[in-house]
C-alpha atoms as a PDB file:
ATOM      1  CA  UNK A   1     -53.096  35.670  45.764  1.00  0.00           C
ATOM      2  CA  UNK A   2     -49.649  36.426  47.473  1.00  0.00           C
ATOM      3  CA  UNK A   3     -47.811  33.864  44.327  1.00  0.00           C
ATOM      4  CA  UNK A   4     -49.716  36.648  42.168  1.00  0.00           C
ATOM      5  CA  UNK A   5     -49.098  39.827  43.702  1.00  0.00           C
ATOM      6  CA  UNK A   6     -45.423  39.536  43.962  1.00  0.00           C
ATOM      7  CA  UNK A   7     -44.219  39.683  40.400  1.00  0.00           C
ATOM      8  CA  UNK A   8     -47.065  42.498  39.980  1.00  0.00           C
ATOM      9  CA  UNK A   9     -45.904  44.443  42.863  1.00  0.00           C
ATOM     10  CA  UNK A  10     -42.155  44.215  41.804  1.00  0.00           C
ATOM     11  CA  UNK A  11     -43.184  45.260  38.189  1.00  0.00           C
ATOM     12  CA  UNK A  12     -44.735  48.077  39.566  1.00  0.00           C
ATOM     13  CA  UNK A  13     -41.905  48.809  42.134  1.00  0.00           C
ATOM     14  CA  UNK A  14     -39.413  48.662  38.370  1.00  0.00           C
ATOM     15  CA  UNK A  15     -41.770  51.169  36.259  1.00  0.00           C
ATOM     16  CA  UNK A  16     -41.793  53.765  39.565  1.00  0.00           C
ATOM     17  CA  UNK A  17     -38.514  53.856  40.430  1.00  0.00           C
ATOM     18  CA  UNK A  18     -37.556  54.691  36.659  1.00  0.00           C
ATOM     19  CA  UNK A  19     -39.257  57.791  35.945  1.00  0.00           C
ATOM     20  CA  UNK A  20     -37.721  60.854  36.402  1.00  0.00           C
ATOM     21  CA  UNK A  21     -37.556  63.814  33.422  1.00  0.00           C
ATOM     22  CA  UNK A  22     -34.522  64.149  31.371  1.00  0.00           C
ATOM     23  CA  UNK A  23     -34.748  68.034  31.084  1.00  0.00           C
ATOM     24  CA  UNK A  24     -36.269  71.146  32.669  1.00  0.00           C
ATOM     25  CA  UNK A  25     -35.835  74.790  32.104  1.00  0.00           C
ATOM     26  CA  UNK A  26     -36.169  76.610  29.285  1.00  0.00           C
ATOM     27  CA  UNK A  27     -39.556  78.691  27.408  1.00  0.00           C
ATOM     28  CA  UNK A  28     -40.927  76.217  25.216  1.00  0.00           C
ATOM     29  CA  UNK A  29     -41.388  73.350  28.244  1.00  0.00           C
ATOM     30  CA  UNK A  30     -39.560  70.750  28.552  1.00  0.00           C
ATOM     31  CA  UNK A  31     -40.276  68.344  31.347  1.00  0.00           C
ATOM     32  CA  UNK A  32     -42.243  65.280  31.972  1.00  0.00           C
ATOM     33  CA  UNK A  33     -42.236  61.927  33.864  1.00  0.00           C
ATOM     34  CA  UNK A  34     -40.265  59.446  31.551  1.00  0.00           C
ATOM     35  CA  UNK A  35     -40.013  55.368  32.229  1.00  0.00           C
ATOM     36  CA  UNK A  36     -36.472  55.120  31.802  1.00  0.00           C
ATOM     37  CA  UNK A  37     -34.625  51.890  33.405  1.00  0.00           C
ATOM     38  CA  UNK A  38     -32.240  52.008  31.071  1.00  0.00           C
ATOM     39  CA  UNK A  39     -28.876  53.475  31.991  1.00  0.00           C
ATOM     40  CA  UNK A  40     -27.962  56.238  29.965  1.00  0.00           C
ATOM     41  CA  UNK A  41     -24.328  55.367  30.629  1.00  0.00           C
ATOM     42  CA  UNK A  42     -25.265  52.209  28.837  1.00  0.00           C
ATOM     43  CA  UNK A  43     -26.727  53.863  25.826  1.00  0.00           C
ATOM     44  CA  UNK A  44     -24.036  56.118  25.681  1.00  0.00           C
ATOM     45  CA  UNK A  45     -21.519  53.544  24.906  1.00  0.00           C
ATOM     46  CA  UNK A  46     -23.779  51.834  22.320  1.00  0.00           C
ATOM     47  CA  UNK A  47     -24.296  54.612  20.573  1.00  0.00           C
ATOM     48  CA  UNK A  48     -20.580  55.733  20.856  1.00  0.00           C
ATOM     49  CA  UNK A  49     -19.841  52.376  19.403  1.00  0.00           C
ATOM     50  CA  UNK A  50     -22.657  52.638  16.834  1.00  0.00           C
ATOM     51  CA  UNK A  51     -21.556  55.938  15.434  1.00  0.00           C
ATOM     52  CA  UNK A  52     -17.781  54.602  15.175  1.00  0.00           C
ATOM     53  CA  UNK A  53     -19.238  51.907  12.963  1.00  0.00           C
ATOM     54  CA  UNK A  54     -21.183  54.204  10.999  1.00  0.00           C
ATOM     55  CA  UNK A  55     -17.613  56.250  10.490  1.00  0.00           C
ATOM     56  CA  UNK A  56     -15.717  53.516   9.604  1.00  0.00           C
ATOM     57  CA  UNK A  57     -18.159  52.314   6.865  1.00  0.00           C
ATOM     58  CA  UNK A  58     -17.918  55.537   5.321  1.00  0.00           C
ATOM     59  CA  UNK A  59     -14.368  56.144   5.244  1.00  0.00           C
ATOM     60  CA  UNK A  60     -14.025  52.940   3.446  1.00  0.00           C
ATOM     61  CA  UNK A  61     -16.262  54.001   0.848  1.00  0.00           C
ATOM     62  CA  UNK A  62     -14.354  57.373   0.644  1.00  0.00           C
ATOM     63  CA  UNK A  63     -17.897  59.276   1.561  1.00  0.00           C
ATOM     64  CA  UNK A  64     -17.290  60.717   4.702  1.00  0.00           C
ATOM     65  CA  UNK A  65     -16.384  64.583   5.366  1.00  0.00           C
ATOM     66  CA  UNK A  66     -15.425  64.798   1.673  1.00  0.00           C
ATOM     67  CA  UNK A  67     -17.027  68.410   1.317  1.00  0.00           C
ATOM     68  CA  UNK A  68     -15.360  70.289   3.541  1.00  0.00           C
ATOM     69  CA  UNK A  69     -17.197  73.587   2.619  1.00  0.00           C
ATOM     70  CA  UNK A  70     -20.534  71.875   3.922  1.00  0.00           C
ATOM     71  CA  UNK A  71     -18.821  70.285   6.944  1.00  0.00           C
ATOM     72  CA  UNK A  72     -17.383  73.809   8.258  1.00  0.00           C
ATOM     73  CA  UNK A  73     -21.148  74.688   8.051  1.00  0.00           C
ATOM     74  CA  UNK A  74     -23.089  71.994   9.633  1.00  0.00           C
ATOM     75  CA  UNK A  75     -19.978  71.908  12.328  1.00  0.00           C
ATOM     76  CA  UNK A  76     -20.315  75.754  13.025  1.00  0.00           C
ATOM     77  CA  UNK A  77     -23.612  75.288  13.732  1.00  0.00           C
ATOM     78  CA  UNK A  78     -23.291  72.814  15.681  1.00  0.00           C
ATOM     79  CA  UNK A  79     -20.748  74.705  18.116  1.00  0.00           C
ATOM     80  CA  UNK A  80     -23.473  77.546  18.311  1.00  0.00           C
ATOM     81  CA  UNK A  81     -25.881  75.529  19.538  1.00  0.00           C
ATOM     82  CA  UNK A  82     -24.319  72.865  21.963  1.00  0.00           C
ATOM     83  CA  UNK A  83     -23.645  75.556  24.471  1.00  0.00           C
ATOM     84  CA  UNK A  84     -27.233  76.412  24.682  1.00  0.00           C
ATOM     85  CA  UNK A  85     -27.966  73.048  25.598  1.00  0.00           C
ATOM     86  CA  UNK A  86     -27.275  73.960  29.167  1.00  0.00           C
ATOM     87  CA  UNK A  87     -30.539  75.420  29.166  1.00  0.00           C
ATOM     88  CA  UNK A  88     -32.227  72.328  29.335  1.00  0.00           C
ATOM     89  CA  UNK A  89     -29.317  69.921  31.027  1.00  0.00           C
ATOM     90  CA  UNK A  90     -26.161  71.454  32.850  1.00  0.00           C
ATOM     91  CA  UNK A  91     -24.249  68.020  32.122  1.00  0.00           C
ATOM     92  CA  UNK A  92     -24.824  68.415  27.971  1.00  0.00           C
ATOM     93  CA  UNK A  93     -22.178  70.857  26.646  1.00  0.00           C
ATOM     94  CA  UNK A  94     -19.605  68.719  28.308  1.00  0.00           C
ATOM     95  CA  UNK A  95     -20.800  65.713  25.900  1.00  0.00           C
ATOM     96  CA  UNK A  96     -18.622  64.384  23.756  1.00  0.00           C
ATOM     97  CA  UNK A  97     -19.982  66.298  20.604  1.00  0.00           C
ATOM     98  CA  UNK A  98     -18.883  65.035  17.351  1.00  0.00           C
ATOM     99  CA  UNK A  99     -19.945  66.008  14.080  1.00  0.00           C
ATOM    100  CA  UNK A 100     -19.384  64.738  10.523  1.00  0.00           C
ATOM    101  CA  UNK A 101     -20.580  64.808   7.144  1.00  0.00           C
ATOM    102  CA  UNK A 102     -21.700  61.337   4.774  1.00  0.00           C
ATOM    103  CA  UNK A 103     -21.851  62.046   1.180  1.00  0.00           C
ATOM    104  CA  UNK A 104     -25.128  60.613   0.298  1.00  0.00           C
ATOM    105  CA  UNK A 105     -27.938  61.934  -1.815  1.00  0.00           C
ATOM    106  CA  UNK A 106     -30.553  61.004   1.263  1.00  0.00           C
ATOM    107  CA  UNK A 107     -32.328  63.437   3.174  1.00  0.00           C
ATOM    108  CA  UNK A 108     -31.323  62.647   6.493  1.00  0.00           C
ATOM    109  CA  UNK A 109     -29.664  63.865   9.612  1.00  0.00           C
ATOM    110  CA  UNK A 110     -29.805  62.526  13.229  1.00  0.00           C
ATOM    111  CA  UNK A 111     -27.758  62.938  16.782  1.00  0.00           C
ATOM    112  CA  UNK A 112     -27.184  59.449  18.701  1.00  0.00           C
ATOM    113  CA  UNK A 113     -27.063  59.678  22.462  1.00  0.00           C
ATOM    114  CA  UNK A 114     -24.133  61.840  24.188  1.00  0.00           C
ATOM    115  CA  UNK A 115     -23.825  64.128  20.749  1.00  0.00           C
ATOM    116  CA  UNK A 116     -22.837  61.905  18.310  1.00  0.00           C
ATOM    117  CA  UNK A 117     -24.250  63.889  15.277  1.00  0.00           C
ATOM    118  CA  UNK A 118     -24.142  62.823  10.975  1.00  0.00           C
ATOM    119  CA  UNK A 119     -25.896  64.924   8.529  1.00  0.00           C
ATOM    120  CA  UNK A 120     -26.261  63.985   4.881  1.00  0.00           C
ATOM    121  CA  UNK A 121     -24.859  65.916   2.183  1.00  0.00           C
ATOM    122  CA  UNK A 122     -28.342  65.731   0.191  1.00  0.00           C
ATOM    123  CA  UNK A 123     -30.262  67.173   3.175  1.00  0.00           C
ATOM    124  CA  UNK A 124     -28.038  70.482   2.572  1.00  0.00           C
ATOM    125  CA  UNK A 125     -28.048  70.559  -1.288  1.00  0.00           C
ATOM    126  CA  UNK A 126     -31.087  68.709  -2.442  1.00  0.00           C
ATOM    127  CA  UNK A 127     -32.944  71.430  -0.273  1.00  0.00           C
ATOM    128  CA  UNK A 128     -30.385  74.465  -0.489  1.00  0.00           C
ATOM    129  CA  UNK A 129     -30.934  74.466   3.524  1.00  0.00           C
ATOM    130  CA  UNK A 130     -29.746  78.496   4.800  1.00  0.00           C
ATOM    131  CA  UNK A 131     -28.043  77.882   7.953  1.00  0.00           C
ATOM    132  CA  UNK A 132     -31.094  79.093   9.737  1.00  0.00           C
ATOM    133  CA  UNK A 133     -32.325  76.116   8.285  1.00  0.00           C
ATOM    134  CA  UNK A 134     -29.496  73.872   9.219  1.00  0.00           C
ATOM    135  CA  UNK A 135     -29.958  74.875  12.526  1.00  0.00           C
ATOM    136  CA  UNK A 136     -33.028  74.107  12.837  1.00  0.00           C
ATOM    137  CA  UNK A 137     -32.566  70.549  11.880  1.00  0.00           C
ATOM    138  CA  UNK A 138     -29.813  70.365  14.350  1.00  0.00           C
ATOM    139  CA  UNK A 139     -31.472  71.657  17.135  1.00  0.00           C
ATOM    140  CA  UNK A 140     -34.420  69.548  16.367  1.00  0.00           C
ATOM    141  CA  UNK A 141     -31.605  66.583  16.430  1.00  0.00           C
ATOM    142  CA  UNK A 142     -30.298  67.524  19.360  1.00  0.00           C
ATOM    143  CA  UNK A 143     -33.198  68.138  21.578  1.00  0.00           C
ATOM    144  CA  UNK A 144     -33.832  64.265  20.716  1.00  0.00           C
ATOM    145  CA  UNK A 145     -30.662  63.407  22.227  1.00  0.00           C
ATOM    146  CA  UNK A 146     -31.562  65.975  25.365  1.00  0.00           C
ATOM    147  CA  UNK A 147     -34.642  64.689  25.920  1.00  0.00           C
ATOM    148  CA  UNK A 148     -33.182  60.829  25.829  1.00  0.00           C
ATOM    149  CA  UNK A 149     -35.743  59.649  23.583  1.00  0.00           C
ATOM    150  CA  UNK A 150     -33.482  56.779  22.531  1.00  0.00           C
ATOM    151  CA  UNK A 151     -32.894  55.624  26.176  1.00  0.00           C
ATOM    152  CA  UNK A 152     -36.886  55.990  26.494  1.00  0.00           C
ATOM    153  CA  UNK A 153     -38.025  53.657  23.959  1.00  0.00           C
ATOM    154  CA  UNK A 154     -35.630  51.042  25.301  1.00  0.00           C
ATOM    155  CA  UNK A 155     -36.758  51.334  28.808  1.00  0.00           C
ATOM    156  CA  UNK A 156     -40.216  50.909  27.025  1.00  0.00           C
ATOM    157  CA  UNK A 157     -39.481  47.574  25.687  1.00  0.00           C
ATOM    158  CA  UNK A 158     -37.798  46.567  28.302  1.00  0.00           C
ATOM    159  CA  UNK A 159     -41.126  47.498  30.689  1.00  0.00           C
ATOM    160  CA  UNK A 160     -43.157  45.408  27.656  1.00  0.00           C
ATOM    161  CA  UNK A 161     -40.664  42.469  28.010  1.00  0.00           C
ATOM    162  CA  UNK A 162     -40.712  42.593  31.965  1.00  0.00           C
ATOM    163  CA  UNK A 163     -44.418  42.243  31.848  1.00  0.00           C
ATOM    164  CA  UNK A 164     -44.074  39.345  29.000  1.00  0.00           C
ATOM    165  CA  UNK A 165     -42.136  37.349  31.547  1.00  0.00           C
ATOM    166  CA  UNK A 166     -44.589  38.048  34.777  1.00  0.00           C
ATOM    167  CA  UNK A 167     -46.827  36.638  32.570  1.00  0.00           C
ATOM    168  CA  UNK A 168     -45.169  33.815  31.070  1.00  0.00           C
ATOM    169  CA  UNK A 169     -44.469  32.690  34.414  1.00  0.00           C
ATOM    170  CA  UNK A 170     -47.763  33.026  35.976  1.00  0.00           C
ATOM    171  CA  UNK A 171     -49.079  30.973  33.276  1.00  0.00           C
ATOM    172  CA  UNK A 172     -46.402  28.269  33.408  1.00  0.00           C
ATOM    173  CA  UNK A 173     -44.897  28.747  29.888  1.00  0.00           C
ATOM    174  CA  UNK A 174     -41.154  29.384  31.119  1.00  0.00           C
ATOM    175  CA  UNK A 175     -39.312  32.544  30.803  1.00  0.00           C
ATOM    176  CA  UNK A 176     -39.344  33.704  27.271  1.00  0.00           C
ATOM    177  CA  UNK A 177     -36.198  36.001  25.473  1.00  0.00           C
ATOM    178  CA  UNK A 178     -35.273  39.122  26.029  1.00  0.00           C
ATOM    179  CA  UNK A 179     -35.270  41.912  23.522  1.00  0.00           C
ATOM    180  CA  UNK A 180     -33.816  44.504  24.762  1.00  0.00           C
ATOM    181  CA  UNK A 181     -30.306  44.528  22.640  1.00  0.00           C
ATOM    182  CA  UNK A 182     -32.398  44.175  19.352  1.00  0.00           C
ATOM    183  CA  UNK A 183     -35.062  47.310  20.655  1.00  0.00           C
ATOM    184  CA  UNK A 184     -31.725  49.300  21.408  1.00  0.00           C
ATOM    185  CA  UNK A 185     -30.573  49.007  17.948  1.00  0.00           C
ATOM    186  CA  UNK A 186     -33.942  49.845  16.261  1.00  0.00           C
ATOM    187  CA  UNK A 187     -34.065  53.135  19.157  1.00  0.00           C
ATOM    188  CA  UNK A 188     -30.377  54.554  17.693  1.00  0.00           C
ATOM    189  CA  UNK A 189     -29.999  53.035  13.923  1.00  0.00           C
ATOM    190  CA  UNK A 190     -33.987  52.755  12.628  1.00  0.00           C
ATOM    191  CA  UNK A 191     -35.160  55.058  15.391  1.00  0.00           C
ATOM    192  CA  UNK A 192     -39.010  55.793  14.544  1.00  0.00           C
ATOM    193  CA  UNK A 193     -40.069  58.473  17.421  1.00  0.00           C
ATOM    194  CA  UNK A 194     -43.394  58.973  18.085  1.00  0.00           C
ATOM    195  CA  UNK A 195     -45.737  61.979  17.053  1.00  0.00           C
ATOM    196  CA  UNK A 196     -44.840  62.753  20.888  1.00  0.00           C
ATOM    197  CA  UNK A 197     -41.590  62.828  20.775  1.00  0.00           C
ATOM    198  CA  UNK A 198     -41.418  64.664  17.540  1.00  0.00           C
ATOM    199  CA  UNK A 199     -43.329  67.415  19.291  1.00  0.00           C
ATOM    200  CA  UNK A 200     -41.082  67.866  22.062  1.00  0.00           C
ATOM    201  CA  UNK A 201     -38.071  67.987  19.375  1.00  0.00           C
ATOM    202  CA  UNK A 202     -39.282  70.936  17.706  1.00  0.00           C
ATOM    203  CA  UNK A 203     -40.375  72.808  20.521  1.00  0.00           C
ATOM    204  CA  UNK A 204     -36.844  72.236  22.492  1.00  0.00           C
ATOM    205  CA  UNK A 205     -34.749  72.610  19.149  1.00  0.00           C
ATOM    206  CA  UNK A 206     -36.597  75.982  18.016  1.00  0.00           C
ATOM    207  CA  UNK A 207     -35.543  77.297  21.201  1.00  0.00           C
ATOM    208  CA  UNK A 208     -32.513  75.793  20.826  1.00  0.00           C
ATOM    209  CA  UNK A 209     -31.951  77.511  16.961  1.00  0.00           C
ATOM    210  CA  UNK A 210     -32.914  81.068  18.360  1.00  0.00           C
ATOM    211  CA  UNK A 211     -30.628  81.252  21.448  1.00  0.00           C
ATOM    212  CA  UNK A 212     -27.872  80.265  18.848  1.00  0.00           C
ATOM    213  CA  UNK A 213     -28.908  83.225  17.310  1.00  0.00           C
ATOM    214  CA  UNK A 214     -30.364  81.690  14.418  1.00  0.00           C
ATOM    215  CA  UNK A 215     -34.260  82.725  13.209  1.00  0.00           C
ATOM    216  CA  UNK A 216     -36.551  80.045  14.411  1.00  0.00           C
ATOM    217  CA  UNK A 217     -38.783  81.205  11.633  1.00  0.00           C
ATOM    218  CA  UNK A 218     -36.630  79.018   9.514  1.00  0.00           C
ATOM    219  CA  UNK A 219     -38.099  76.125  11.003  1.00  0.00           C
ATOM    220  CA  UNK A 220     -41.756  76.647   8.159  1.00  0.00           C
ATOM    221  CA  UNK A 221     -39.767  77.398   5.367  1.00  0.00           C
ATOM    222  CA  UNK A 222     -37.709  74.211   6.252  1.00  0.00           C
ATOM    223  CA  UNK A 223     -41.198  71.494   6.785  1.00  0.00           C
ATOM    224  CA  UNK A 224     -42.092  72.607   3.922  1.00  0.00           C
ATOM    225  CA  UNK A 225     -39.491  72.047   1.708  1.00  0.00           C
ATOM    226  CA  UNK A 226     -39.442  68.828   3.455  1.00  0.00           C
ATOM    227  CA  UNK A 227     -42.856  68.204   2.709  1.00  0.00           C
ATOM    228  CA  UNK A 228     -42.442  68.960  -0.657  1.00  0.00           C
ATOM    229  CA  UNK A 229     -39.533  66.757  -1.013  1.00  0.00           C
ATOM    230  CA  UNK A 230     -41.520  63.664   0.632  1.00  0.00           C
ATOM    231  CA  UNK A 231     -44.377  64.023  -1.710  1.00  0.00           C
ATOM    232  CA  UNK A 232     -41.726  63.154  -4.410  1.00  0.00           C
ATOM    233  CA  UNK A 233     -41.453  59.385  -2.074  1.00  0.00           C
ATOM    234  CA  UNK A 234     -38.197  57.406  -0.750  1.00  0.00           C
ATOM    235  CA  UNK A 235     -37.720  60.370   1.549  1.00  0.00           C
ATOM    236  CA  UNK A 236     -35.767  58.047   4.640  1.00  0.00           C
ATOM    237  CA  UNK A 237     -35.975  61.628   7.007  1.00  0.00           C
ATOM    238  CA  UNK A 238     -39.714  61.919   6.287  1.00  0.00           C
ATOM    239  CA  UNK A 239     -40.746  57.957   7.306  1.00  0.00           C
ATOM    240  CA  UNK A 240     -39.847  59.130  11.690  1.00  0.00           C
ATOM    241  CA  UNK A 241     -40.347  62.773  10.937  1.00  0.00           C
ATOM    242  CA  UNK A 242     -44.172  63.493  10.109  1.00  0.00           C
ATOM    243  CA  UNK A 243     -44.325  66.574   7.674  1.00  0.00           C
ATOM    244  CA  UNK A 244     -47.991  67.480   7.992  1.00  0.00           C
ATOM    245  CA  UNK A 245     -49.607  70.803   8.110  1.00  0.00           C
ATOM    246  CA  UNK A 246     -50.170  70.638  11.874  1.00  0.00           C
ATOM    247  CA  UNK A 247     -46.397  70.730  12.569  1.00  0.00           C
ATOM    248  CA  UNK A 248     -45.767  73.772  10.247  1.00  0.00           C
ATOM    249  CA  UNK A 249     -49.053  75.101  12.462  1.00  0.00           C
ATOM    250  CA  UNK A 250     -47.096  73.805  15.549  1.00  0.00           C
ATOM    251  CA  UNK A 251     -43.775  75.576  14.700  1.00  0.00           C
ATOM    252  CA  UNK A 252     -45.971  78.466  13.903  1.00  0.00           C
ATOM    253  CA  UNK A 253     -47.464  78.718  17.175  1.00  0.00           C
ATOM    254  CA  UNK A 254     -44.476  78.729  18.765  1.00  0.00           C
ATOM    255  CA  UNK A 255     -42.930  81.593  17.472  1.00  0.00           C
ATOM    256  CA  UNK A 256     -43.829  84.001  19.720  1.00  0.00           C
ATOM    257  CA  UNK A 257     -41.938  82.557  22.848  1.00  0.00           C
ATOM    258  CA  UNK A 258     -39.226  81.742  21.114  1.00  0.00           C
ATOM    259  CA  UNK A 259     -38.794  84.764  18.389  1.00  0.00           C
ATOM    260  CA  UNK A 260     -37.810  87.148  21.987  1.00  0.00           C
ATOM    261  CA  UNK A 261     -34.524  84.807  22.366  1.00  0.00           C
ATOM    262  CA  UNK A 262     -33.609  85.258  18.618  1.00  0.00           C
ATOM    263  CA  UNK A 263     -34.130  88.901  19.164  1.00  0.00           C
ATOM    264  CA  UNK A 264     -32.082  89.402  21.960  1.00  0.00           C
ATOM    265  CA  UNK A 265     -29.266  88.064  20.262  1.00  0.00           C
ATOM    266  CA  UNK A 266     -28.980  89.997  17.882  1.00  0.00           C
ATOM    267  CA  UNK A 267     -28.685  93.261  20.185  1.00  0.00           C
END
């Protein structure tokens, strides 16, 4: 029995010692236990490298920051939201924040770990987004970074690989090859967040939007626009951001909580 229990106990210990919550506070609720086996510093470094590569490729194609007016708009929105991240994480305002713009018809935007934000011009121009709607997108994507959803995904992949490794050892099948590097890439570049992650990002993002002085009611019009665009197909952003009616209903249900925060900024 000892041969079988020892690796199992090691795995259980690993899982429990890796559980924590990356955010606290806020009015919408943003604390739950997360499986975090990969260090934040490691993932931030990978994100910075991936972001630098993306910028270099866009620059080489002549598509990086070519729309000065739109770049100024998204950077202005980010500048107002970034200080509000302290409500959820004391360290976040000190991140090396960066906001850039890629000229593309894609409806896409994201925030990598550590505050590396990228917007695509198509998202703003094709949907004719207001600053309030830009803020909702920005807050939502920043929320993913605050909650370290990518880190959580990579950690889940690491735990799965650990379990597989233990199983193959017990069965005498050998060690197996780790897929953690590939999992990290997928989490940073080709992310498909779960519905629970999307729900968290909606909640935190709306609060960030409101605290920054942007109207969180824009969340309803934003996702209605997204849903209309998605019905035409070919929208990359929507492949990881479901726009069903339940999502709009959730946002509407959050408005009584976040609207007072917005109204306080207008006084």
